[in-house]
């Protein structure tokens, strides 16, 4: 019989607030279930402090922002399609958007 190991609990790094997305993100999520899965997975990564495709300087800035309560940005891509996830400094909202939507 295989050994049963508990799954470690990972605590989110911050509050997401209300999660919203731009119209373009919503439209593509509606059309493409794989893209929707990618967006939800990316939100989970962002929430846990996996900042995606940021350089080391931006990663350090996000870590400071978690500590000091500043705005957070993550970037992820799938099949050449890049998204950003931004959590506001007051943690009232997190927005999923295409970089061109900014």
Foldseek 3Di string as FASTA:
>chain_A
DDDDDDDDDQAFLDAAAAEEEDPVLVVVVVVDVVSVVVVVVVVVCVRRLNQEPDDPVLSVVQVVCSVVQAKHKHWHDDPRFIWIWIQHSPSNHIYIYGPVVD
